[in-house]
């Protein structure tokens, strides 16, 4: 399983990357046909509220899953996106 994390216009710290890996590993355990995961972290308009965006793309042998969420922190947006992906995976399974 290949997990690729890309942070746009900033450097993500190790703690955030570990948090993302933990969340994605939980999603992978639901469906063992996952091939790779692409995670994009963005900051939208730095002065605004709820400006942290997380996009997660999961690729399996059967299908592709995508979720994009926006929140106050990257941890919260990753958590919301992983919950949405979990629903998608369980529905498709």
N, C-alpha and C. Protein backbone atom coordinates (compact mmCIF):
# COMPACT_ATOMS: atom_id res chain seq x y z
N UNK A 1 0.85 -1.19 0.00
CA UNK A 1 0.00 0.00 0.00
C UNK A 1 0.88 1.23 0.00
N UNK A 2 0.61 2.12 -0.90
CA UNK A 2 1.39 3.34 -1.05
C UNK A 2 0.53 4.53 -0.59
N UNK A 3 1.00 5.25 0.42
CA UNK A 3 0.30 6.42 0.92
C UNK A 3 1.15 7.64 0.59
N UNK A 4 0.60 8.55 -0.20
CA UNK A 4 1.33 9.74 -0.62
C UNK A 4 0.64 10.98 -0.07
N UNK A 5 1.39 11.78 0.70
CA UNK A 5 0.85 13.00 1.31
C UNK A 5 1.51 14.20 0.66
N UNK A 6 0.68 15.10 0.13
CA UNK A 6 1.19 16.33 -0.48
C UNK A 6 0.56 17.53 0.21
N UNK A 7 1.41 18.39 0.72
CA UNK A 7 0.93 19.63 1.34
C UNK A 7 1.27 20.78 0.40
N UNK A 8 0.26 21.55 0.05
CA UNK A 8 0.40 22.62 -0.93
C UNK A 8 0.76 23.93 -0.22
N UNK A 9 1.90 24.49 -0.54
CA UNK A 9 2.39 25.78 -0.04
C UNK A 9 2.73 25.80 1.45
N UNK A 10 2.99 24.64 2.04
CA UNK A 10 3.47 24.58 3.42
C UNK A 10 4.07 23.19 3.64
N UNK A 11 4.79 23.04 4.74
CA UNK A 11 5.39 21.75 5.07
C UNK A 11 4.63 21.11 6.22
N UNK A 12 4.12 19.92 6.00
CA UNK A 12 3.40 19.19 7.05
C UNK A 12 4.40 18.57 8.01
N UNK A 13 4.13 18.69 9.31
CA UNK A 13 5.05 18.13 10.30
C UNK A 13 4.81 16.63 10.48
N UNK A 14 5.73 15.99 11.17
CA UNK A 14 5.69 14.53 11.35
C UNK A 14 4.45 14.09 12.11
N UNK A 15 4.02 14.86 13.09
CA UNK A 15 2.85 14.51 13.88
C UNK A 15 1.59 14.45 13.00
N UNK A 16 1.43 15.41 12.09
CA UNK A 16 0.29 15.42 11.18
C UNK A 16 0.36 14.24 10.22
N UNK A 17 1.54 13.94 9.70
CA UNK A 17 1.70 12.81 8.79
C UNK A 17 1.39 11.49 9.49
N UNK A 18 1.81 11.35 10.74
CA UNK A 18 1.51 10.14 11.50
C UNK A 18 0.00 9.99 11.73
N UNK A 19 -0.66 11.11 12.02
CA UNK A 19 -2.11 11.10 12.21
C UNK A 19 -2.81 10.65 10.92
N UNK A 20 -2.37 11.19 9.79
CA UNK A 20 -2.97 10.83 8.50
C UNK A 20 -2.75 9.36 8.20
N UNK A 21 -1.53 8.88 8.42
CA UNK A 21 -1.24 7.46 8.17
C UNK A 21 -2.11 6.54 9.01
N UNK A 22 -2.33 6.92 10.27
CA UNK A 22 -3.16 6.12 11.16
C UNK A 22 -4.60 6.05 10.65
N UNK A 23 -5.14 7.19 10.22
CA UNK A 23 -6.52 7.23 9.71
C UNK A 23 -6.65 6.43 8.41
N UNK A 24 -5.68 6.56 7.52
CA UNK A 24 -5.74 5.85 6.24
C UNK A 24 -5.58 4.34 6.45
N UNK A 25 -4.73 3.96 7.38
CA UNK A 25 -4.56 2.53 7.67
C UNK A 25 -5.86 1.90 8.16
N UNK A 26 -6.65 2.65 8.93
CA UNK A 26 -7.95 2.15 9.38
C UNK A 26 -8.88 1.92 8.19
N UNK A 27 -8.84 2.83 7.21
CA UNK A 27 -9.67 2.68 6.02
C UNK A 27 -9.22 1.49 5.19
N UNK A 28 -7.92 1.29 5.12
CA UNK A 28 -7.39 0.17 4.34
C UNK A 28 -7.79 -1.16 4.97
N UNK A 29 -7.87 -1.20 6.29
CA UNK A 29 -8.24 -2.45 6.95
C UNK A 29 -9.67 -2.87 6.64
N UNK A 30 -10.52 -1.93 6.24
CA UNK A 30 -11.90 -2.26 5.87
C UNK A 30 -11.94 -3.01 4.55
N UNK A 31 -11.17 -2.53 3.58
CA UNK A 31 -11.14 -3.13 2.23
C UNK A 31 -9.70 -3.46 1.90
N UNK A 32 -9.38 -4.72 1.80
CA UNK A 32 -7.99 -5.13 1.58
C UNK A 32 -7.55 -5.07 0.12
N UNK A 33 -8.41 -4.55 -0.77
CA UNK A 33 -8.03 -4.43 -2.18
C UNK A 33 -7.48 -3.04 -2.52
N UNK A 34 -7.22 -2.23 -1.51
CA UNK A 34 -6.68 -0.88 -1.73
C UNK A 34 -5.27 -0.95 -2.31
N UNK A 35 -5.03 -0.11 -3.32
CA UNK A 35 -3.72 -0.07 -3.97
C UNK A 35 -2.90 1.10 -3.45
N UNK A 36 -3.48 2.30 -3.50
CA UNK A 36 -2.76 3.47 -3.00
C UNK A 36 -3.72 4.54 -2.52
N UNK A 37 -3.14 5.52 -1.79
CA UNK A 37 -3.91 6.64 -1.26
C UNK A 37 -3.15 7.93 -1.55
N UNK A 38 -3.87 8.92 -2.03
CA UNK A 38 -3.30 10.25 -2.26
C UNK A 38 -4.01 11.23 -1.34
N UNK A 39 -3.23 11.96 -0.56
CA UNK A 39 -3.80 12.94 0.37
C UNK A 39 -3.23 14.30 0.01
N UNK A 40 -4.12 15.28 -0.18
CA UNK A 40 -3.72 16.65 -0.50
C UNK A 40 -4.19 17.56 0.62
N UNK A 41 -3.28 18.34 1.16
CA UNK A 41 -3.59 19.29 2.23
C UNK A 41 -3.39 20.70 1.69
N UNK A 42 -4.40 21.55 1.86
CA UNK A 42 -4.35 22.91 1.33
C UNK A 42 -4.85 23.90 2.37
N UNK A 43 -4.38 25.13 2.28
CA UNK A 43 -4.89 26.23 3.10
C UNK A 43 -5.61 27.19 2.17
N UNK A 44 -6.89 27.42 2.44
CA UNK A 44 -7.71 28.28 1.60
C UNK A 44 -7.92 29.63 2.28
N UNK A 45 -7.45 30.69 1.67
CA UNK A 45 -7.59 32.04 2.22
C UNK A 45 -7.17 32.08 3.69
N UNK A 46 -5.91 32.25 3.97
CA UNK A 46 -5.38 32.14 5.34
C UNK A 46 -6.09 32.96 6.40
N UNK A 47 -6.73 34.05 6.01
CA UNK A 47 -7.36 34.89 7.03
C UNK A 47 -8.77 34.43 7.39
N UNK A 48 -9.32 33.48 6.65
CA UNK A 48 -10.71 33.07 6.90
C UNK A 48 -10.79 31.93 7.92
N UNK A 49 -12.01 31.73 8.41
CA UNK A 49 -12.33 30.66 9.37
C UNK A 49 -12.57 29.38 8.58
N UNK A 50 -12.29 28.22 9.14
CA UNK A 50 -12.45 26.93 8.44
C UNK A 50 -11.66 26.92 7.14
N UNK A 51 -10.37 27.18 7.21
CA UNK A 51 -9.59 27.32 5.98
C UNK A 51 -8.67 26.15 5.68
N UNK A 52 -8.74 25.06 6.43
CA UNK A 52 -7.89 23.90 6.19
C UNK A 52 -8.67 22.86 5.39
N UNK A 53 -8.15 22.50 4.22
CA UNK A 53 -8.83 21.57 3.32
C UNK A 53 -8.01 20.29 3.21
N UNK A 54 -8.69 19.16 3.32
CA UNK A 54 -8.07 17.86 3.13
C UNK A 54 -8.83 17.10 2.05
N UNK A 55 -8.09 16.59 1.07
CA UNK A 55 -8.67 15.75 0.02
C UNK A 55 -8.02 14.39 0.11
N UNK A 56 -8.82 13.35 0.13
CA UNK A 56 -8.29 11.99 0.18
C UNK A 56 -8.85 11.21 -1.01
N UNK A 57 -7.94 10.61 -1.79
CA UNK A 57 -8.31 9.75 -2.90
C UNK A 57 -7.78 8.36 -2.60
N UNK A 58 -8.66 7.39 -2.59
CA UNK A 58 -8.27 6.00 -2.38
C UNK A 58 -8.53 5.22 -3.66
N UNK A 59 -7.56 4.43 -4.05
CA UNK A 59 -7.69 3.61 -5.26
C UNK A 59 -7.63 2.14 -4.86
N UNK A 60 -8.66 1.39 -5.24
CA UNK A 60 -8.66 -0.05 -5.01
C UNK A 60 -8.73 -0.74 -6.37
N UNK A 61 -8.63 -2.06 -6.35
CA UNK A 61 -8.72 -2.79 -7.60
C UNK A 61 -10.11 -2.70 -8.21
N UNK A 62 -11.12 -2.52 -7.37
CA UNK A 62 -12.50 -2.49 -7.85
C UNK A 62 -12.98 -1.08 -8.19
N UNK A 63 -12.60 -0.07 -7.39
CA UNK A 63 -13.13 1.27 -7.61
C UNK A 63 -12.23 2.33 -7.00
N UNK A 64 -12.70 3.58 -7.11
CA UNK A 64 -11.98 4.72 -6.54
C UNK A 64 -12.91 5.44 -5.57
N UNK A 65 -12.33 5.99 -4.52
CA UNK A 65 -13.10 6.72 -3.51
C UNK A 65 -12.47 8.10 -3.34
N UNK A 66 -13.31 9.10 -3.09
CA UNK A 66 -12.82 10.47 -2.93
C UNK A 66 -13.65 11.20 -1.90
N UNK A 67 -12.96 12.00 -1.07
CA UNK A 67 -13.64 12.86 -0.11
C UNK A 67 -12.82 14.14 0.06
N UNK A 68 -13.52 15.26 0.14
CA UNK A 68 -12.89 16.55 0.36
C UNK A 68 -13.64 17.25 1.47
N UNK A 69 -12.93 17.62 2.53
CA UNK A 69 -13.56 18.27 3.67
C UNK A 69 -12.76 19.48 4.09
N UNK A 70 -13.46 20.45 4.69
CA UNK A 70 -12.85 21.70 5.14
C UNK A 70 -13.22 21.93 6.60
N UNK A 71 -12.22 22.32 7.41
CA UNK A 71 -12.45 22.52 8.85
C UNK A 71 -11.43 23.50 9.41
N UNK A 72 -11.49 23.69 10.74
CA UNK A 72 -10.56 24.60 11.43
C UNK A 72 -9.13 24.09 11.44
N UNK A 73 -8.96 22.77 11.53
CA UNK A 73 -7.63 22.18 11.59
C UNK A 73 -7.53 21.04 10.57
N UNK A 74 -6.30 20.69 10.23
CA UNK A 74 -6.10 19.59 9.30
C UNK A 74 -6.55 18.27 9.93
N UNK A 75 -6.34 18.12 11.23
CA UNK A 75 -6.75 16.89 11.90
C UNK A 75 -8.26 16.69 11.80
N UNK A 76 -9.00 17.77 12.01
CA UNK A 76 -10.46 17.69 11.93
C UNK A 76 -10.92 17.41 10.50
N UNK A 77 -10.31 18.06 9.52
CA UNK A 77 -10.72 17.84 8.13
C UNK A 77 -10.35 16.42 7.67
N UNK A 78 -9.21 15.89 8.12
CA UNK A 78 -8.84 14.51 7.80
C UNK A 78 -9.83 13.54 8.44
N UNK A 79 -10.21 13.82 9.67
CA UNK A 79 -11.16 12.97 10.38
C UNK A 79 -12.51 12.94 9.66
N UNK A 80 -13.00 14.11 9.24
CA UNK A 80 -14.27 14.19 8.52
C UNK A 80 -14.20 13.47 7.18
N UNK A 81 -13.10 13.64 6.47
CA UNK A 81 -12.93 12.99 5.17
C UNK A 81 -12.84 11.47 5.34
N UNK A 82 -12.15 11.01 6.36
CA UNK A 82 -12.03 9.56 6.57
C UNK A 82 -13.38 8.95 6.95
N UNK A 83 -14.20 9.69 7.69
CA UNK A 83 -15.54 9.19 8.02
C UNK A 83 -16.39 9.07 6.75
N UNK A 84 -16.28 10.06 5.86
CA UNK A 84 -17.03 10.01 4.60
C UNK A 84 -16.56 8.85 3.73
N UNK A 85 -15.25 8.63 3.70
CA UNK A 85 -14.72 7.52 2.91
C UNK A 85 -15.13 6.17 3.49
N UNK A 86 -15.19 6.08 4.80
CA UNK A 86 -15.59 4.83 5.44
C UNK A 86 -17.01 4.47 5.01
N UNK A 87 -17.90 5.46 4.96
CA UNK A 87 -19.28 5.23 4.51
C UNK A 87 -19.30 4.76 3.06
N UNK A 88 -18.47 5.39 2.21
CA UNK A 88 -18.41 5.01 0.80
C UNK A 88 -17.92 3.57 0.64
N UNK A 89 -16.88 3.21 1.37
CA UNK A 89 -16.31 1.86 1.27
C UNK A 89 -17.31 0.81 1.73
N UNK A 90 -17.95 1.07 2.87
CA UNK A 90 -18.91 0.11 3.39
C UNK A 90 -20.13 -0.03 2.47
N UNK A 91 -20.54 1.06 1.86
CA UNK A 91 -21.68 1.02 0.94
C UNK A 91 -21.33 0.23 -0.32
N UNK A 92 -20.09 0.39 -0.78
CA UNK A 92 -19.67 -0.29 -2.00
C UNK A 92 -19.37 -1.77 -1.77
N UNK A 93 -19.02 -2.10 -0.54
CA UNK A 93 -18.63 -3.47 -0.22
C UNK A 93 -19.79 -4.37 -0.09
